Amino acid sequence: MSTHTSIVYHIIWTPYKRKPIMLKEPRRELFNYMMGILKNKNCHVYRIDGVEDHLHIATSLHPSQSLAGLIKDMKLACTSMIKSTNLFKGFEGWQDGYAAFTHNYSSLDNLVNYIKNQEEHHKKVSFIDEYIQLLKDHGIDFDPKYLL
């Protein structure tokens, strides 16, 4: 018997201190690089997008990958790439931690559209308000002092 999984992850993380350093044009290069990492780890990438101070990823992980290990590998590789190419001026690394939520495959189109429209979305909603709402929507208890 083979291993079969259907787990769609919505992953979010930010630059250190949520500095708005991921400018639009170079951001595409970062997202393409991230897509390559995920594909090399046999993960299915549905969408990567974001704005200056955070990014969103919709992906399914290959069964051989752990979520924490994958994110650690991605952050390390992306940090190295950003620093070696000076992609974002003022980049000091990534904020500790991340958020990850699971979604039903049937809600994938909504998730992809949500991630695709981040720039428009954040004209109306701040990152912190978005993040708190996502935590609440997914039933995650949190201490507000750790959100900054």
N, C-alpha and C. Protein backbone atom coordinates (compact mmCIF):
# COMPACT_ATOMS: atom_id res chain seq x y z
N MET A 1 0.84 -1.18 0.00
CA MET A 1 0.00 0.00 0.00
C MET A 1 0.88 1.23 0.00
N SER A 2 0.47 2.24 -0.71
CA SER A 2 1.17 3.53 -0.76
C SER A 2 0.64 4.46 0.31
N THR A 3 1.35 5.54 0.51
CA THR A 3 0.89 6.59 1.43
C THR A 3 0.10 7.62 0.64
N HIS A 4 -1.08 7.95 1.12
CA HIS A 4 -1.92 8.94 0.46
C HIS A 4 -2.33 9.99 1.48
N THR A 5 -2.10 11.24 1.15
CA THR A 5 -2.48 12.33 2.04
C THR A 5 -3.15 13.44 1.25
N SER A 6 -3.97 14.19 1.92
CA SER A 6 -4.59 15.38 1.34
C SER A 6 -4.67 16.42 2.45
N ILE A 7 -3.55 17.08 2.67
CA ILE A 7 -3.47 18.10 3.72
C ILE A 7 -2.96 19.38 3.07
N VAL A 8 -3.82 20.36 2.96
CA VAL A 8 -3.44 21.65 2.40
C VAL A 8 -3.08 22.57 3.56
N TYR A 9 -1.87 23.09 3.52
CA TYR A 9 -1.40 24.01 4.56
C TYR A 9 -1.45 25.45 4.06
N HIS A 10 -1.85 26.34 4.94
CA HIS A 10 -1.74 27.78 4.74
C HIS A 10 -0.69 28.23 5.75
N ILE A 11 0.48 28.64 5.25
CA ILE A 11 1.62 28.99 6.09
C ILE A 11 1.91 30.48 5.97
N ILE A 12 2.21 31.09 7.11
CA ILE A 12 2.50 32.53 7.13
C ILE A 12 3.73 32.76 7.99
N TRP A 13 4.64 33.63 7.51
CA TRP A 13 5.70 34.13 8.37
C TRP A 13 6.14 35.50 7.92
N THR A 14 6.94 36.15 8.75
CA THR A 14 7.30 37.56 8.52
C THR A 14 8.80 37.77 8.62
N PRO A 15 9.29 38.86 8.01
CA PRO A 15 10.67 39.26 8.27
C PRO A 15 10.83 39.64 9.75
N TYR A 16 12.05 39.63 10.21
CA TYR A 16 12.37 39.97 11.59
C TYR A 16 11.73 41.31 11.96
N LYS A 17 11.05 41.34 13.08
CA LYS A 17 10.34 42.51 13.60
C LYS A 17 9.28 43.04 12.62
N ARG A 18 8.84 42.15 11.73
CA ARG A 18 7.83 42.50 10.72
C ARG A 18 8.20 43.76 9.93
N LYS A 19 9.49 43.91 9.68
CA LYS A 19 9.92 45.08 8.90
C LYS A 19 9.39 44.97 7.47
N PRO A 20 8.84 46.04 6.93
CA PRO A 20 8.26 46.02 5.58
C PRO A 20 9.34 46.18 4.51
N ILE A 21 10.19 45.17 4.38
CA ILE A 21 11.34 45.28 3.48
C ILE A 21 11.19 44.47 2.19
N MET A 22 10.14 43.65 2.09
CA MET A 22 9.99 42.80 0.91
C MET A 22 9.26 43.59 -0.19
N LEU A 23 10.04 44.37 -0.92
CA LEU A 23 9.46 45.20 -1.98
C LEU A 23 8.89 44.34 -3.11
N LYS A 24 7.92 44.88 -3.82
CA LYS A 24 7.12 44.11 -4.77
C LYS A 24 7.93 43.38 -5.84
N GLU A 25 8.77 44.07 -6.57
CA GLU A 25 9.49 43.43 -7.68
C GLU A 25 10.43 42.33 -7.20
N PRO A 26 11.31 42.59 -6.23
CA PRO A 26 12.19 41.51 -5.78
C PRO A 26 11.43 40.38 -5.08
N ARG A 27 10.25 40.69 -4.57
CA ARG A 27 9.45 39.68 -3.88
C ARG A 27 9.14 38.50 -4.82
N ARG A 28 8.89 38.79 -6.08
CA ARG A 28 8.62 37.73 -7.07
C ARG A 28 9.80 36.75 -7.13
N GLU A 29 11.01 37.29 -7.09
CA GLU A 29 12.20 36.43 -7.14
C GLU A 29 12.26 35.51 -5.92
N LEU A 30 11.94 36.05 -4.76
CA LEU A 30 11.90 35.24 -3.54
C LEU A 30 10.84 34.15 -3.66
N PHE A 31 9.66 34.51 -4.12
CA PHE A 31 8.58 33.53 -4.22
C PHE A 31 8.91 32.42 -5.22
N ASN A 32 9.55 32.77 -6.31
CA ASN A 32 9.98 31.76 -7.28
C ASN A 32 11.02 30.83 -6.65
N TYR A 33 11.93 31.40 -5.88
CA TYR A 33 12.94 30.60 -5.19
C TYR A 33 12.27 29.64 -4.20
N MET A 34 11.31 30.14 -3.45
CA MET A 34 10.58 29.30 -2.49
C MET A 34 9.83 28.18 -3.21
N MET A 35 9.26 28.51 -4.34
CA MET A 35 8.55 27.51 -5.12
C MET A 35 9.50 26.38 -5.52
N GLY A 36 10.71 26.75 -5.91
CA GLY A 36 11.71 25.76 -6.28
C GLY A 36 12.08 24.86 -5.10
N ILE A 37 12.22 25.44 -3.93
CA ILE A 37 12.53 24.63 -2.73
C ILE A 37 11.42 23.62 -2.48
N LEU A 38 10.18 24.09 -2.51
CA LEU A 38 9.05 23.21 -2.25
C LEU A 38 8.96 22.10 -3.30
N LYS A 39 9.15 22.45 -4.55
CA LYS A 39 9.09 21.44 -5.61
C LYS A 39 10.22 20.42 -5.46
N ASN A 40 11.42 20.89 -5.07
CA ASN A 40 12.54 19.97 -4.86
C ASN A 40 12.29 19.02 -3.69
N LYS A 41 11.41 19.39 -2.79
CA LYS A 41 11.06 18.54 -1.66
C LYS A 41 9.76 17.77 -1.94
N ASN A 42 9.37 17.73 -3.23
CA ASN A 42 8.19 17.00 -3.69
C ASN A 42 6.89 17.46 -3.04
N CYS A 43 6.83 18.75 -2.72
CA CYS A 43 5.60 19.33 -2.20
C CYS A 43 4.84 19.95 -3.36
N HIS A 44 3.52 20.01 -3.23
CA HIS A 44 2.72 20.64 -4.26
C HIS A 44 2.44 22.08 -3.85
N VAL A 45 2.86 23.02 -4.68
CA VAL A 45 2.68 24.45 -4.38
C VAL A 45 1.43 24.93 -5.10
N TYR A 46 0.51 25.50 -4.33
CA TYR A 46 -0.71 26.05 -4.93
C TYR A 46 -0.58 27.56 -5.14
N ARG A 47 0.06 28.25 -4.19
CA ARG A 47 0.23 29.70 -4.32
C ARG A 47 1.20 30.21 -3.26
N ILE A 48 2.03 31.16 -3.65
CA ILE A 48 2.87 31.92 -2.73
C ILE A 48 2.66 33.38 -3.07
N ASP A 49 2.41 34.19 -2.07
CA ASP A 49 2.26 35.63 -2.29
C ASP A 49 2.38 36.34 -0.96
N GLY A 50 2.30 37.63 -0.98
CA GLY A 50 2.41 38.39 0.25
C GLY A 50 2.59 39.86 -0.04
N VAL A 51 2.95 40.56 0.99
CA VAL A 51 3.19 42.00 0.90
C VAL A 51 4.51 42.30 1.59
N GLU A 52 4.79 43.57 1.82
CA GLU A 52 6.10 43.99 2.32
C GLU A 52 6.50 43.35 3.65
N ASP A 53 5.51 43.05 4.52
CA ASP A 53 5.87 42.61 5.87
C ASP A 53 5.48 41.17 6.22
N HIS A 54 4.96 40.41 5.26
CA HIS A 54 4.68 39.00 5.53
C HIS A 54 4.36 38.26 4.23
N LEU A 55 4.42 36.94 4.30
CA LEU A 55 4.11 36.13 3.13
C LEU A 55 3.18 34.99 3.51
N HIS A 56 2.49 34.49 2.50
CA HIS A 56 1.55 33.38 2.64
C HIS A 56 1.93 32.29 1.63
N ILE A 57 1.81 31.06 2.06
CA ILE A 57 2.08 29.91 1.19
C ILE A 57 0.91 28.95 1.32
N ALA A 58 0.40 28.48 0.19
CA ALA A 58 -0.57 27.38 0.17
C ALA A 58 0.14 26.20 -0.48
N THR A 59 0.28 25.12 0.27
CA THR A 59 1.03 23.97 -0.22
C THR A 59 0.53 22.68 0.43
N SER A 60 0.79 21.59 -0.24
CA SER A 60 0.63 20.27 0.36
C SER A 60 2.03 19.69 0.50
N LEU A 61 2.32 19.13 1.64
CA LEU A 61 3.65 18.58 1.90
C LEU A 61 3.72 17.12 1.44
N HIS A 62 4.87 16.76 0.93
CA HIS A 62 5.12 15.35 0.65
C HIS A 62 5.13 14.62 2.00
N PRO A 63 4.61 13.41 2.06
CA PRO A 63 4.55 12.69 3.34
C PRO A 63 5.90 12.54 4.05
N SER A 64 6.99 12.66 3.34
CA SER A 64 8.32 12.52 3.97
C SER A 64 8.76 13.81 4.67
N GLN A 65 8.02 14.89 4.49
CA GLN A 65 8.40 16.19 5.05
C GLN A 65 7.61 16.48 6.33
N SER A 66 8.30 16.99 7.33
CA SER A 66 7.57 17.52 8.49
C SER A 66 7.40 19.02 8.28
N LEU A 67 6.33 19.56 8.80
CA LEU A 67 6.07 20.99 8.63
C LEU A 67 7.18 21.83 9.23
N ALA A 68 7.55 21.56 10.48
CA ALA A 68 8.58 22.35 11.15
C ALA A 68 9.92 22.24 10.42
N GLY A 69 10.28 21.05 9.98
CA GLY A 69 11.54 20.86 9.26
C GLY A 69 11.55 21.58 7.93
N LEU A 70 10.45 21.52 7.24
CA LEU A 70 10.34 22.20 5.94
C LEU A 70 10.48 23.70 6.11
N ILE A 71 9.79 24.28 7.07
CA ILE A 71 9.86 25.73 7.28
C ILE A 71 11.26 26.14 7.71
N LYS A 72 11.88 25.35 8.58
CA LYS A 72 13.26 25.64 8.98
C LYS A 72 14.18 25.65 7.75
N ASP A 73 14.07 24.63 6.92
CA ASP A 73 14.90 24.55 5.71
C ASP A 73 14.63 25.72 4.77
N MET A 74 13.36 26.09 4.61
CA MET A 74 13.02 27.19 3.72
C MET A 74 13.55 28.52 4.25
N LYS A 75 13.39 28.76 5.55
CA LYS A 75 13.88 30.01 6.12
C LYS A 75 15.40 30.11 5.98
N LEU A 76 16.10 29.02 6.26
CA LEU A 76 17.56 29.04 6.14
C LEU A 76 18.00 29.29 4.70
N ALA A 77 17.41 28.56 3.76
CA ALA A 77 17.78 28.71 2.35
C ALA A 77 17.45 30.10 1.83
N CYS A 78 16.26 30.60 2.18
CA CYS A 78 15.86 31.92 1.71
C CYS A 78 16.71 33.03 2.33
N THR A 79 17.07 32.87 3.60
CA THR A 79 17.95 33.85 4.24
C THR A 79 19.28 33.91 3.50
N SER A 80 19.83 32.76 3.19
CA SER A 80 21.11 32.71 2.47
C SER A 80 20.98 33.36 1.10
N MET A 81 19.91 33.06 0.38
CA MET A 81 19.71 33.64 -0.95
C MET A 81 19.52 35.14 -0.87
N ILE A 82 18.70 35.61 0.06
CA ILE A 82 18.43 37.05 0.18
C ILE A 82 19.71 37.81 0.53
N LYS A 83 20.49 37.26 1.46
CA LYS A 83 21.72 37.94 1.86
C LYS A 83 22.79 37.90 0.78
N SER A 84 22.92 36.78 0.06
CA SER A 84 23.95 36.68 -0.97
C SER A 84 23.63 37.55 -2.18
N THR A 85 22.35 37.79 -2.44
CA THR A 85 21.97 38.61 -3.60
C THR A 85 21.59 40.03 -3.21
N ASN A 86 21.55 40.31 -1.89
CA ASN A 86 21.09 41.60 -1.38
C ASN A 86 19.71 41.95 -1.95
N LEU A 87 18.84 40.95 -1.96
CA LEU A 87 17.52 41.08 -2.56
C LEU A 87 16.68 42.16 -1.87
N PHE A 88 16.73 42.18 -0.53
CA PHE A 88 15.97 43.17 0.23
C PHE A 88 16.91 43.93 1.14
N LYS A 89 17.04 45.22 0.92
CA LYS A 89 17.88 46.05 1.78
C LYS A 89 17.29 46.05 3.20
N GLY A 90 18.15 45.89 4.18
CA GLY A 90 17.71 45.90 5.56
C GLY A 90 17.21 44.56 6.07
N PHE A 91 17.31 43.52 5.26
CA PHE A 91 16.85 42.20 5.71
C PHE A 91 17.77 41.68 6.81
N GLU A 92 17.16 41.34 7.97
CA GLU A 92 17.93 40.84 9.11
C GLU A 92 17.59 39.40 9.44
N GLY A 93 16.81 38.76 8.61
CA GLY A 93 16.38 37.40 8.87
C GLY A 93 14.88 37.36 9.03
N TRP A 94 14.41 36.22 9.51
CA TRP A 94 12.97 36.01 9.68
C TRP A 94 12.60 36.06 11.14
N GLN A 95 11.39 36.47 11.41
CA GLN A 95 10.84 36.44 12.75
C GLN A 95 10.81 34.98 13.22
N ASP A 96 11.04 34.73 14.49
CA ASP A 96 10.90 33.37 15.02
C ASP A 96 9.46 32.91 14.81
N GLY A 97 9.31 31.64 14.57
CA GLY A 97 7.99 31.04 14.49
C GLY A 97 7.32 31.26 13.15
N TYR A 98 6.10 30.80 13.10
CA TYR A 98 5.28 30.87 11.89
C TYR A 98 3.85 30.50 12.29
N ALA A 99 2.94 30.68 11.39
CA ALA A 99 1.57 30.20 11.57
C ALA A 99 1.31 29.19 10.47
N ALA A 100 0.59 28.13 10.81
CA ALA A 100 0.21 27.13 9.81
C ALA A 100 -1.20 26.64 10.14
N PHE A 101 -2.03 26.66 9.13
CA PHE A 101 -3.41 26.23 9.27
C PHE A 101 -3.69 25.19 8.20
N THR A 102 -4.52 24.23 8.51
CA THR A 102 -4.91 23.25 7.50
C THR A 102 -6.25 23.65 6.90
N HIS A 103 -6.43 23.25 5.65
CA HIS A 103 -7.67 23.54 4.93
C HIS A 103 -8.15 22.29 4.22
N ASN A 104 -9.44 22.19 4.05
CA ASN A 104 -10.01 21.13 3.22
C ASN A 104 -9.64 21.38 1.78
N TYR A 105 -9.44 20.30 1.05
CA TYR A 105 -9.15 20.44 -0.37
C TYR A 105 -10.28 21.20 -1.08
N SER A 106 -11.50 21.02 -0.60
CA SER A 106 -12.65 21.69 -1.23
C SER A 106 -12.61 23.21 -1.05
N SER A 107 -11.83 23.70 -0.08
CA SER A 107 -11.71 25.15 0.12
C SER A 107 -10.45 25.73 -0.52
N LEU A 108 -9.74 24.91 -1.30
CA LEU A 108 -8.47 25.33 -1.89
C LEU A 108 -8.61 26.55 -2.78
N ASP A 109 -9.63 26.60 -3.62
CA ASP A 109 -9.80 27.76 -4.51
C ASP A 109 -9.95 29.05 -3.72
N ASN A 110 -10.71 29.01 -2.63
CA ASN A 110 -10.87 30.20 -1.79
C ASN A 110 -9.54 30.61 -1.17
N LEU A 111 -8.79 29.63 -0.69
CA LEU A 111 -7.48 29.92 -0.09
C LEU A 111 -6.53 30.54 -1.11
N VAL A 112 -6.46 29.96 -2.28
CA VAL A 112 -5.57 30.47 -3.33
C VAL A 112 -5.96 31.90 -3.70
N ASN A 113 -7.24 32.16 -3.86
CA ASN A 113 -7.69 33.53 -4.19
C ASN A 113 -7.38 34.49 -3.06
N TYR A 114 -7.54 34.07 -1.83
CA TYR A 114 -7.22 34.90 -0.67
C TYR A 114 -5.73 35.28 -0.68
N ILE A 115 -4.88 34.30 -0.94
CA ILE A 115 -3.44 34.56 -0.97
C ILE A 115 -3.07 35.42 -2.18
N LYS A 116 -3.68 35.15 -3.30
CA LYS A 116 -3.40 35.90 -4.53
C LYS A 116 -3.75 37.38 -4.38
N ASN A 117 -4.74 37.69 -3.56
CA ASN A 117 -5.23 39.07 -3.44
C ASN A 117 -4.72 39.77 -2.19
N GLN A 118 -3.54 39.42 -1.72
CA GLN A 118 -3.01 40.00 -0.49
C GLN A 118 -2.83 41.52 -0.58
N GLU A 119 -2.34 42.01 -1.69
CA GLU A 119 -2.12 43.46 -1.79
C GLU A 119 -3.43 44.22 -1.65
N GLU A 120 -4.45 43.76 -2.31
CA GLU A 120 -5.76 44.41 -2.23
C GLU A 120 -6.34 44.24 -0.83
N HIS A 121 -6.22 43.05 -0.27
CA HIS A 121 -6.73 42.75 1.07
C HIS A 121 -6.13 43.69 2.12
N HIS A 122 -4.83 43.94 2.00
CA HIS A 122 -4.16 44.75 3.02
C HIS A 122 -4.31 46.25 2.82
N LYS A 123 -5.05 46.65 1.83
CA LYS A 123 -5.45 48.05 1.73
C LYS A 123 -6.57 48.33 2.74
N LYS A 124 -7.26 47.26 3.17
CA LYS A 124 -8.40 47.39 4.08
C LYS A 124 -8.12 46.83 5.47
N VAL A 125 -7.26 45.83 5.56
CA VAL A 125 -7.04 45.11 6.82
C VAL A 125 -5.55 45.06 7.12
N SER A 126 -5.17 45.40 8.35
CA SER A 126 -3.76 45.33 8.74
C SER A 126 -3.34 43.88 8.93
N PHE A 127 -2.04 43.64 8.88
CA PHE A 127 -1.54 42.28 9.09
C PHE A 127 -1.96 41.75 10.45
N ILE A 128 -1.81 42.55 11.50
CA ILE A 128 -2.11 42.06 12.84
C ILE A 128 -3.59 41.72 12.98
N ASP A 129 -4.46 42.53 12.38
CA ASP A 129 -5.90 42.23 12.42
C ASP A 129 -6.19 40.94 11.64
N GLU A 130 -5.55 40.80 10.49
CA GLU A 130 -5.70 39.58 9.69
C GLU A 130 -5.24 38.36 10.49
N TYR A 131 -4.09 38.48 11.10
CA TYR A 131 -3.48 37.37 11.83
C TYR A 131 -4.34 36.95 13.02
N ILE A 132 -4.81 37.93 13.79
CA ILE A 132 -5.68 37.63 14.93
C ILE A 132 -6.96 36.93 14.45
N GLN A 133 -7.53 37.40 13.36
CA GLN A 133 -8.75 36.78 12.85
C GLN A 133 -8.48 35.34 12.41
N LEU A 134 -7.35 35.09 11.76
CA LEU A 134 -7.01 33.72 11.36
C LEU A 134 -6.84 32.82 12.58
N LEU A 135 -6.18 33.32 13.61
CA LEU A 135 -6.02 32.53 14.84
C LEU A 135 -7.38 32.20 15.44
N LYS A 136 -8.24 33.19 15.51
CA LYS A 136 -9.59 32.97 16.06
C LYS A 136 -10.38 32.00 15.19
N ASP A 137 -10.34 32.19 13.88
CA ASP A 137 -11.08 31.32 12.96
C ASP A 137 -10.67 29.86 13.10
N HIS A 138 -9.41 29.64 13.46
CA HIS A 138 -8.90 28.27 13.58
C HIS A 138 -8.85 27.77 15.02
N GLY A 139 -9.46 28.53 15.94
CA GLY A 139 -9.57 28.10 17.32
C GLY A 139 -8.26 28.02 18.08
N ILE A 140 -7.33 28.91 17.74
CA ILE A 140 -6.02 28.90 18.37
C ILE A 140 -5.97 29.95 19.47
N ASP A 141 -5.71 29.50 20.70
CA ASP A 141 -5.52 30.43 21.82
C ASP A 141 -4.17 31.12 21.66
N PHE A 142 -4.10 32.37 22.03
CA PHE A 142 -2.84 33.12 21.89
C PHE A 142 -2.79 34.21 22.95
N ASP A 143 -1.57 34.60 23.25
CA ASP A 143 -1.31 35.72 24.14
C ASP A 143 -0.90 36.89 23.26
N PRO A 144 -1.66 37.99 23.26
CA PRO A 144 -1.36 39.12 22.38
C PRO A 144 0.06 39.66 22.50
N LYS A 145 0.70 39.50 23.65
CA LYS A 145 2.06 40.02 23.81
C LYS A 145 3.06 39.30 22.89
N TYR A 146 2.70 38.11 22.40
CA TYR A 146 3.61 37.37 21.51
C TYR A 146 3.31 37.60 20.03
N LEU A 147 2.41 38.50 19.74
CA LEU A 147 2.06 38.76 18.36
C LEU A 147 2.90 39.86 17.73
N LEU A 148 3.69 40.57 18.50
CA LEU A 148 4.47 41.67 17.94
C LEU A 148 5.83 41.28 17.51
